[in-house]
Amino acid sequence: YGSLSSGHWVDWRSNFINYTSELCVLLDINIA
């Protein structure tokens, strides 16, 4: 679980998650 970024391996991290809690903003992010 990870990917290559600028030539370096980066393990997947929980801060990749968008923790937005407002429903309509959350749906806009999911749609995009």
PDB file of all heavy atoms in Angstrom:
ATOM      1  N   TYR A   1       0.827  -1.201   0.000  1.00  0.00           N
ATOM      2  CA  TYR A   1       0.000   0.000   0.000  1.00  0.00           C
ATOM      3  C   TYR A   1       0.864   1.254   0.000  1.00  0.00           C
ATOM      4  O   TYR A   1       1.395   1.664   1.035  1.00  0.00           O
ATOM      5  CB  TYR A   1      -0.937   0.005   1.204  1.00  0.00           C
ATOM      6  CG  TYR A   1      -1.931  -1.128   1.199  1.00  0.00           C
ATOM      7  CD1 TYR A   1      -2.165  -1.879   2.342  1.00  0.00           C
ATOM      8  CD2 TYR A   1      -2.620  -1.463   0.040  1.00  0.00           C
ATOM      9  CE1 TYR A   1      -3.085  -2.924   2.329  1.00  0.00           C
ATOM     10  CE2 TYR A   1      -3.526  -2.495   0.012  1.00  0.00           C
ATOM     11  CZ  TYR A   1      -3.759  -3.230   1.169  1.00  0.00           C
ATOM     12  OH  TYR A   1      -4.660  -4.261   1.148  1.00  0.00           O
ATOM     13  N   GLY A   2       0.977   1.870  -1.155  1.00  0.00           N
ATOM     14  CA  GLY A   2       1.734   3.096  -1.313  1.00  0.00           C
ATOM     15  C   GLY A   2       1.912   3.408  -2.780  1.00  0.00           C
ATOM     16  O   GLY A   2       1.345   2.734  -3.657  1.00  0.00           O
ATOM     17  N   SER A   3       2.712   4.432  -3.067  1.00  0.00           N
ATOM     18  CA  SER A   3       2.953   4.809  -4.459  1.00  0.00           C
ATOM     19  C   SER A   3       4.273   5.571  -4.528  1.00  0.00           C
ATOM     20  O   SER A   3       4.846   5.956  -3.508  1.00  0.00           O
ATOM     21  CB  SER A   3       1.815   5.684  -4.994  1.00  0.00           C
ATOM     22  OG  SER A   3       1.715   6.882  -4.243  1.00  0.00           O
ATOM     23  N   LEU A   4       4.733   5.779  -5.757  1.00  0.00           N
ATOM     24  CA  LEU A   4       5.989   6.488  -5.968  1.00  0.00           C
ATOM     25  C   LEU A   4       5.696   7.978  -6.130  1.00  0.00           C
ATOM     26  O   LEU A   4       4.842   8.368  -6.928  1.00  0.00           O
ATOM     27  CB  LEU A   4       6.679   5.953  -7.217  1.00  0.00           C
ATOM     28  CG  LEU A   4       8.195   6.132  -7.301  1.00  0.00           C
ATOM     29  CD1 LEU A   4       8.889   5.358  -6.199  1.00  0.00           C
ATOM     30  CD2 LEU A   4       8.706   5.683  -8.657  1.00  0.00           C
ATOM     31  N   SER A   5       6.391   8.816  -5.364  1.00  0.00           N
ATOM     32  CA  SER A   5       6.208  10.266  -5.443  1.00  0.00           C
ATOM     33  C   SER A   5       7.572  10.926  -5.535  1.00  0.00           C
ATOM     34  O   SER A   5       8.389  10.786  -4.619  1.00  0.00           O
ATOM     35  CB  SER A   5       5.454  10.772  -4.200  1.00  0.00           C
ATOM     36  OG  SER A   5       5.344  12.171  -4.212  1.00  0.00           O
ATOM     37  N   SER A   6       7.817  11.627  -6.656  1.00  0.00           N
ATOM     38  CA  SER A   6       9.099  12.316  -6.880  1.00  0.00           C
ATOM     39  C   SER A   6      10.276  11.368  -6.709  1.00  0.00           C
ATOM     40  O   SER A   6      11.312  11.728  -6.148  1.00  0.00           O
ATOM     41  CB  SER A   6       9.236  13.507  -5.925  1.00  0.00           C
ATOM     42  OG  SER A   6       8.185  14.422  -6.114  1.00  0.00           O
ATOM     43  N   GLY A   7      10.101  10.142  -7.192  1.00  0.00           N
ATOM     44  CA  GLY A   7      11.195   9.172  -7.144  1.00  0.00           C
ATOM     45  C   GLY A   7      11.341   8.443  -5.831  1.00  0.00           C
ATOM     46  O   GLY A   7      12.233   7.613  -5.678  1.00  0.00           O
ATOM     47  N   HIS A   8      10.453   8.727  -4.859  1.00  0.00           N
ATOM     48  CA  HIS A   8      10.549   8.094  -3.548  1.00  0.00           C
ATOM     49  C   HIS A   8       9.246   7.367  -3.226  1.00  0.00           C
ATOM     50  O   HIS A   8       8.155   7.856  -3.520  1.00  0.00           O
ATOM     51  CB  HIS A   8      10.840   9.127  -2.457  1.00  0.00           C
ATOM     52  CG  HIS A   8      12.133   9.846  -2.648  1.00  0.00           C
ATOM     53  ND1 HIS A   8      13.346   9.297  -2.312  1.00  0.00           N
ATOM     54  CD2 HIS A   8      12.414  11.064  -3.162  1.00  0.00           C
ATOM     55  CE1 HIS A   8      14.317  10.150  -2.601  1.00  0.00           C
ATOM     56  NE2 HIS A   8      13.771  11.234  -3.123  1.00  0.00           N
ATOM     57  N   TRP A   9       9.385   6.180  -2.630  1.00  0.00           N
ATOM     58  CA  TRP A   9       8.205   5.420  -2.247  1.00  0.00           C
ATOM     59  C   TRP A   9       7.552   6.077  -1.030  1.00  0.00           C
ATOM     60  O   TRP A   9       8.216   6.421  -0.053  1.00  0.00           O
ATOM     61  CB  TRP A   9       8.584   3.989  -1.919  1.00  0.00           C
ATOM     62  CG  TRP A   9       7.397   3.168  -1.524  1.00  0.00           C
ATOM     63  CD1 TRP A   9       6.963   2.891  -0.268  1.00  0.00           C
ATOM     64  CD2 TRP A   9       6.466   2.541  -2.412  1.00  0.00           C
ATOM     65  NE1 TRP A   9       5.816   2.133  -0.304  1.00  0.00           N
ATOM     66  CE2 TRP A   9       5.495   1.899  -1.612  1.00  0.00           C
ATOM     67  CE3 TRP A   9       6.371   2.455  -3.800  1.00  0.00           C
ATOM     68  CZ2 TRP A   9       4.443   1.181  -2.153  1.00  0.00           C
ATOM     69  CZ3 TRP A   9       5.311   1.746  -4.338  1.00  0.00           C
ATOM     70  CH2 TRP A   9       4.377   1.116  -3.534  1.00  0.00           C
ATOM     71  N   VAL A  10       6.224   6.248  -1.080  1.00  0.00           N
ATOM     72  CA  VAL A  10       5.471   6.832   0.027  1.00  0.00           C
ATOM     73  C   VAL A  10       4.382   5.842   0.427  1.00  0.00           C
ATOM     74  O   VAL A  10       3.501   5.521  -0.376  1.00  0.00           O
ATOM     75  CB  VAL A  10       4.833   8.180  -0.370  1.00  0.00           C
ATOM     76  CG1 VAL A  10       3.994   8.728   0.785  1.00  0.00           C
ATOM     77  CG2 VAL A  10       5.899   9.180  -0.781  1.00  0.00           C
ATOM     78  N   ASP A  11       4.442   5.332   1.645  1.00  0.00           N
ATOM     79  CA  ASP A  11       3.393   4.443   2.136  1.00  0.00           C
ATOM     80  C   ASP A  11       2.073   5.202   2.249  1.00  0.00           C
ATOM     81  O   ASP A  11       2.055   6.413   2.521  1.00  0.00           O
ATOM     82  CB  ASP A  11       3.766   3.877   3.506  1.00  0.00           C
ATOM     83  CG  ASP A  11       4.860   2.817   3.416  1.00  0.00           C
ATOM     84  OD1 ASP A  11       4.869   2.053   2.438  1.00  0.00           O
ATOM     85  OD2 ASP A  11       5.708   2.762   4.327  1.00  0.00           O
ATOM     86  N   TRP A  12       0.973   4.454   2.053  1.00  0.00           N
ATOM     87  CA  TRP A  12      -0.346   5.065   2.196  1.00  0.00           C
ATOM     88  C   TRP A  12      -0.512   5.574   3.627  1.00  0.00           C
ATOM     89  O   TRP A  12      -0.070   4.937   4.591  1.00  0.00           O
ATOM     90  CB  TRP A  12      -1.446   4.063   1.875  1.00  0.00           C
ATOM     91  CG  TRP A  12      -2.809   4.676   1.883  1.00  0.00           C
ATOM     92  CD1 TRP A  12      -3.439   5.288   0.851  1.00  0.00           C
ATOM     93  CD2 TRP A  12      -3.692   4.769   3.011  1.00  0.00           C
ATOM     94  NE1 TRP A  12      -4.661   5.756   1.250  1.00  0.00           N
ATOM     95  CE2 TRP A  12      -4.844   5.451   2.569  1.00  0.00           C
ATOM     96  CE3 TRP A  12      -3.617   4.352   4.329  1.00  0.00           C
ATOM     97  CZ2 TRP A  12      -5.922   5.706   3.405  1.00  0.00           C
ATOM     98  CZ3 TRP A  12      -4.684   4.611   5.172  1.00  0.00           C
ATOM     99  CH2 TRP A  12      -5.821   5.277   4.700  1.00  0.00           C
ATOM    100  N   ARG A  13      -1.170   6.724   3.775  1.00  0.00           N
ATOM    101  CA  ARG A  13      -1.324   7.359   5.088  1.00  0.00           C
ATOM    102  C   ARG A  13      -2.778   7.747   5.340  1.00  0.00           C
ATOM    103  O   ARG A  13      -3.495   8.118   4.395  1.00  0.00           O
ATOM    104  CB  ARG A  13      -0.446   8.607   5.179  1.00  0.00           C
ATOM    105  CG  ARG A  13       1.024   8.318   4.931  1.00  0.00           C
ATOM    106  CD  ARG A  13       1.833   9.580   4.775  1.00  0.00           C
ATOM    107  NE  ARG A  13       3.235   9.281   4.452  1.00  0.00           N
ATOM    108  CZ  ARG A  13       4.152  10.198   4.200  1.00  0.00           C
ATOM    109  NH1 ARG A  13       3.827  11.466   4.224  1.00  0.00           N
ATOM    110  NH2 ARG A  13       5.381   9.836   3.914  1.00  0.00           N
ATOM    111  N   SER A  14      -3.180   7.706   6.581  1.00  0.00           N
ATOM    112  CA  SER A  14      -4.567   8.043   6.917  1.00  0.00           C
ATOM    113  C   SER A  14      -4.868   9.518   6.694  1.00  0.00           C
ATOM    114  O   SER A  14      -6.039   9.897   6.551  1.00  0.00           O
ATOM    115  CB  SER A  14      -4.867   7.673   8.368  1.00  0.00           C
ATOM    116  OG  SER A  14      -4.026   8.379   9.258  1.00  0.00           O
ATOM    117  N   ASN A  15      -3.842  10.374   6.627  1.00  0.00           N
ATOM    118  CA  ASN A  15      -4.131  11.792   6.377  1.00  0.00           C
ATOM    119  C   ASN A  15      -4.449  12.068   4.914  1.00  0.00           C
ATOM    120  O   ASN A  15      -4.696  13.203   4.538  1.00  0.00           O
ATOM    121  CB  ASN A  15      -2.984  12.690   6.858  1.00  0.00           C
ATOM    122  CG  ASN A  15      -1.672  12.443   6.131  1.00  0.00           C
ATOM    123  OD1 ASN A  15      -1.619  11.681   5.161  1.00  0.00           O
ATOM    124  ND2 ASN A  15      -0.609  13.077   6.587  1.00  0.00           N
ATOM    125  N   PHE A  16      -4.461  11.023   4.079  1.00  0.00           N
ATOM    126  CA  PHE A  16      -4.949  11.177   2.709  1.00  0.00           C
ATOM    127  C   PHE A  16      -6.470  11.331   2.687  1.00  0.00           C
ATOM    128  O   PHE A  16      -7.042  11.768   1.694  1.00  0.00           O
ATOM    129  CB  PHE A  16      -4.558   9.975   1.851  1.00  0.00           C
ATOM    130  CG  PHE A  16      -3.079   9.859   1.562  1.00  0.00           C
ATOM    131  CD1 PHE A  16      -2.557   8.684   1.065  1.00  0.00           C
ATOM    132  CD2 PHE A  16      -2.214  10.917   1.781  1.00  0.00           C
ATOM    133  CE1 PHE A  16      -1.200   8.563   0.778  1.00  0.00           C
ATOM    134  CE2 PHE A  16      -0.866  10.822   1.508  1.00  0.00           C
ATOM    135  CZ  PHE A  16      -0.354   9.639   1.001  1.00  0.00           C
ATOM    136  N   ILE A  17      -7.132  10.946   3.774  1.00  0.00           N
ATOM    137  CA  ILE A  17      -8.588  11.018   3.849  1.00  0.00           C
ATOM    138  C   ILE A  17      -9.014  12.463   4.104  1.00  0.00           C
ATOM    139  O   ILE A  17      -8.418  13.160   4.927  1.00  0.00           O
ATOM    140  CB  ILE A  17      -9.123  10.115   4.979  1.00  0.00           C
ATOM    141  CG1 ILE A  17      -8.766   8.653   4.693  1.00  0.00           C
ATOM    142  CG2 ILE A  17     -10.629  10.270   5.143  1.00  0.00           C
ATOM    143  CD1 ILE A  17      -9.115   7.726   5.842  1.00  0.00           C
ATOM    144  N   ASN A  18     -10.050  12.899   3.403  1.00  0.00           N
ATOM    145  CA  ASN A  18     -10.647  14.204   3.676  1.00  0.00           C
ATOM    146  C   ASN A  18     -11.722  13.996   4.743  1.00  0.00           C
ATOM    147  O   ASN A  18     -12.717  13.319   4.510  1.00  0.00           O
ATOM    148  CB  ASN A  18     -11.258  14.788   2.395  1.00  0.00           C
ATOM    149  CG  ASN A  18     -11.691  16.225   2.586  1.00  0.00           C
ATOM    150  OD1 ASN A  18     -12.354  16.557   3.559  1.00  0.00           O
ATOM    151  ND2 ASN A  18     -11.325  17.080   1.641  1.00  0.00           N
ATOM    152  N   TYR A  19     -11.518  14.566   5.910  1.00  0.00           N
ATOM    153  CA  TYR A  19     -12.422  14.343   7.037  1.00  0.00           C
ATOM    154  C   TYR A  19     -13.533  15.385   7.122  1.00  0.00           C
ATOM    155  O   TYR A  19     -14.066  15.641   8.200  1.00  0.00           O
ATOM    156  CB  TYR A  19     -11.616  14.315   8.339  1.00  0.00           C
ATOM    157  CG  TYR A  19     -10.726  13.098   8.461  1.00  0.00           C
ATOM    158  CD1 TYR A  19      -9.354  13.204   8.278  1.00  0.00           C
ATOM    159  CD2 TYR A  19     -11.260  11.844   8.754  1.00  0.00           C
ATOM    160  CE1 TYR A  19      -8.531  12.087   8.392  1.00  0.00           C
ATOM    161  CE2 TYR A  19     -10.452  10.726   8.860  1.00  0.00           C
ATOM    162  CZ  TYR A  19      -9.085  10.854   8.681  1.00  0.00           C
ATOM    163  OH  TYR A  19      -8.282   9.748   8.784  1.00  0.00           O
ATOM    164  N   THR A  20     -13.895  15.979   5.999  1.00  0.00           N
ATOM    165  CA  THR A  20     -14.992  16.943   5.967  1.00  0.00           C
ATOM    166  C   THR A  20     -16.270  16.295   6.510  1.00  0.00           C
ATOM    167  O   THR A  20     -16.608  15.162   6.145  1.00  0.00           O
ATOM    168  CB  THR A  20     -15.239  17.426   4.530  1.00  0.00           C
ATOM    169  OG1 THR A  20     -14.064  18.056   4.053  1.00  0.00           O
ATOM    170  CG2 THR A  20     -16.388  18.407   4.478  1.00  0.00           C
ATOM    171  N   SER A  21     -17.011  17.024   7.353  1.00  0.00           N
ATOM    172  CA  SER A  21     -18.227  16.469   7.957  1.00  0.00           C
ATOM    173  C   SER A  21     -19.505  17.145   7.453  1.00  0.00           C
ATOM    174  O   SER A  21     -20.599  16.651   7.730  1.00  0.00           O
ATOM    175  CB  SER A  21     -18.152  16.593   9.487  1.00  0.00           C
ATOM    176  OG  SER A  21     -17.998  17.946   9.876  1.00  0.00           O
ATOM    177  N   GLU A  22     -19.380  18.259   6.739  1.00  0.00           N
ATOM    178  CA  GLU A  22     -20.567  18.967   6.238  1.00  0.00           C
ATOM    179  C   GLU A  22     -21.082  18.227   5.001  1.00  0.00           C
ATOM    180  O   GLU A  22     -20.355  18.011   4.041  1.00  0.00           O
ATOM    181  CB  GLU A  22     -20.195  20.399   5.897  1.00  0.00           C
ATOM    182  CG  GLU A  22     -21.388  21.351   5.891  1.00  0.00           C
ATOM    183  CD  GLU A  22     -22.189  21.238   4.599  1.00  0.00           C
ATOM    184  OE1 GLU A  22     -21.570  21.313   3.533  1.00  0.00           O
ATOM    185  OE2 GLU A  22     -23.428  21.064   4.687  1.00  0.00           O
ATOM    186  N   LEU A  23     -22.342  17.820   5.023  1.00  0.00           N
ATOM    187  CA  LEU A  23     -22.882  16.900   4.036  1.00  0.00           C
ATOM    188  C   LEU A  23     -22.690  17.370   2.601  1.00  0.00           C
ATOM    189  O   LEU A  23     -22.182  16.632   1.764  1.00  0.00           O
ATOM    190  CB  LEU A  23     -24.366  16.652   4.308  1.00  0.00           C
ATOM    191  CG  LEU A  23     -25.088  15.793   3.258  1.00  0.00           C
ATOM    192  CD1 LEU A  23     -24.490  14.402   3.194  1.00  0.00           C
ATOM    193  CD2 LEU A  23     -26.583  15.722   3.568  1.00  0.00           C
ATOM    194  N   CYS A  24     -23.104  18.586   2.273  1.00  0.00           N
ATOM    195  CA  CYS A  24     -23.068  19.028   0.881  1.00  0.00           C
ATOM    196  C   CYS A  24     -21.639  19.217   0.381  1.00  0.00           C
ATOM    197  O   CYS A  24     -21.332  18.934  -0.778  1.00  0.00           O
ATOM    198  CB  CYS A  24     -23.884  20.305   0.717  1.00  0.00           C
ATOM    199  SG  CYS A  24     -25.656  20.041   1.038  1.00  0.00           S
ATOM    200  N   VAL A  25     -20.739  19.670   1.246  1.00  0.00           N
ATOM    201  CA  VAL A  25     -19.330  19.775   0.876  1.00  0.00           C
ATOM    202  C   VAL A  25     -18.757  18.379   0.637  1.00  0.00           C
ATOM    203  O   VAL A  25     -18.025  18.135  -0.328  1.00  0.00           O
ATOM    204  CB  VAL A  25     -18.534  20.509   1.970  1.00  0.00           C
ATOM    205  CG1 VAL A  25     -17.045  20.496   1.657  1.00  0.00           C
ATOM    206  CG2 VAL A  25     -19.029  21.939   2.122  1.00  0.00           C
ATOM    207  N   LEU A  26     -19.113  17.469   1.510  1.00  0.00           N
ATOM    208  CA  LEU A  26     -18.670  16.082   1.403  1.00  0.00           C
ATOM    209  C   LEU A  26     -19.108  15.471   0.073  1.00  0.00           C
ATOM    210  O   LEU A  26     -18.331  14.815  -0.627  1.00  0.00           O
ATOM    211  CB  LEU A  26     -19.244  15.331   2.598  1.00  0.00           C
ATOM    212  CG  LEU A  26     -19.137  13.833   2.785  1.00  0.00           C
ATOM    213  CD1 LEU A  26     -19.230  13.520   4.281  1.00  0.00           C
ATOM    214  CD2 LEU A  26     -20.249  13.111   2.048  1.00  0.00           C
ATOM    215  N   LEU A  27     -20.361  15.698  -0.302  1.00  0.00           N
ATOM    216  CA  LEU A  27     -20.871  15.152  -1.562  1.00  0.00           C
ATOM    217  C   LEU A  27     -20.181  15.789  -2.761  1.00  0.00           C
ATOM    218  O   LEU A  27     -19.887  15.110  -3.753  1.00  0.00           O
ATOM    219  CB  LEU A  27     -22.384  15.350  -1.643  1.00  0.00           C
ATOM    220  CG  LEU A  27     -23.222  14.471  -0.700  1.00  0.00           C
ATOM    221  CD1 LEU A  27     -24.685  14.886  -0.753  1.00  0.00           C
ATOM    222  CD2 LEU A  27     -23.064  12.989  -1.044  1.00  0.00           C
ATOM    223  N   ASP A  28     -19.909  17.088  -2.691  1.00  0.00           N
ATOM    224  CA  ASP A  28     -19.191  17.759  -3.779  1.00  0.00           C
ATOM    225  C   ASP A  28     -17.805  17.134  -3.981  1.00  0.00           C
ATOM    226  O   ASP A  28     -17.370  16.916  -5.119  1.00  0.00           O
ATOM    227  CB  ASP A  28     -19.037  19.252  -3.481  1.00  0.00           C
ATOM    228  CG  ASP A  28     -20.280  20.051  -3.834  1.00  0.00           C
ATOM    229  OD1 ASP A  28     -21.053  19.593  -4.703  1.00  0.00           O
ATOM    230  OD2 ASP A  28     -20.474  21.127  -3.246  1.00  0.00           O
ATOM    231  N   ILE A  29     -17.105  16.853  -2.891  1.00  0.00           N
ATOM    232  CA  ILE A  29     -15.778  16.244  -2.977  1.00  0.00           C
ATOM    233  C   ILE A  29     -15.875  14.845  -3.574  1.00  0.00           C
ATOM    234  O   ILE A  29     -15.083  14.464  -4.446  1.00  0.00           O
ATOM    235  CB  ILE A  29     -15.114  16.204  -1.590  1.00  0.00           C
ATOM    236  CG1 ILE A  29     -14.824  17.624  -1.106  1.00  0.00           C
ATOM    237  CG2 ILE A  29     -13.840  15.373  -1.612  1.00  0.00           C
ATOM    238  CD1 ILE A  29     -14.368  17.703   0.343  1.00  0.00           C
ATOM    239  N   ASN A  30     -16.872  14.070  -3.123  1.00  0.00           N
ATOM    240  CA  ASN A  30     -17.050  12.716  -3.651  1.00  0.00           C
ATOM    241  C   ASN A  30     -17.350  12.743  -5.147  1.00  0.00           C
ATOM    242  O   ASN A  30     -16.836  11.921  -5.916  1.00  0.00           O
ATOM    243  CB  ASN A  30     -18.176  12.004  -2.913  1.00  0.00           C
ATOM    244  CG  ASN A  30     -17.848  11.720  -1.459  1.00  0.00           C
ATOM    245  OD1 ASN A  30     -16.726  11.962  -1.014  1.00  0.00           O
ATOM    246  ND2 ASN A  30     -18.807  11.204  -0.713  1.00  0.00           N
ATOM    247  N   ILE A  31     -18.198  13.673  -5.563  1.00  0.00           N
ATOM    248  CA  ILE A  31     -18.549  13.791  -6.983  1.00  0.00           C
ATOM    249  C   ILE A  31     -17.300  14.096  -7.815  1.00  0.00           C
ATOM    250  O   ILE A  31     -17.050  13.468  -8.849  1.00  0.00           O
ATOM    251  CB  ILE A  31     -19.622  14.884  -7.182  1.00  0.00           C
ATOM    252  CG1 ILE A  31     -20.975  14.401  -6.638  1.00  0.00           C
ATOM    253  CG2 ILE A  31     -19.749  15.260  -8.658  1.00  0.00           C
ATOM    254  CD1 ILE A  31     -22.011  15.498  -6.522  1.00  0.00           C
ATOM    255  N   ALA A  32     -16.496  15.059  -7.352  1.00  0.00           N
ATOM    256  CA  ALA A  32     -15.283  15.432  -8.086  1.00  0.00           C
ATOM    257  C   ALA A  32     -14.294  14.268  -8.134  1.00  0.00           C
ATOM    258  O   ALA A  32     -13.675  14.005  -9.176  1.00  0.00           O
ATOM    259  CB  ALA A  32     -14.636  16.653  -7.432  1.00  0.00           C
TER     260      ALA A  32
END
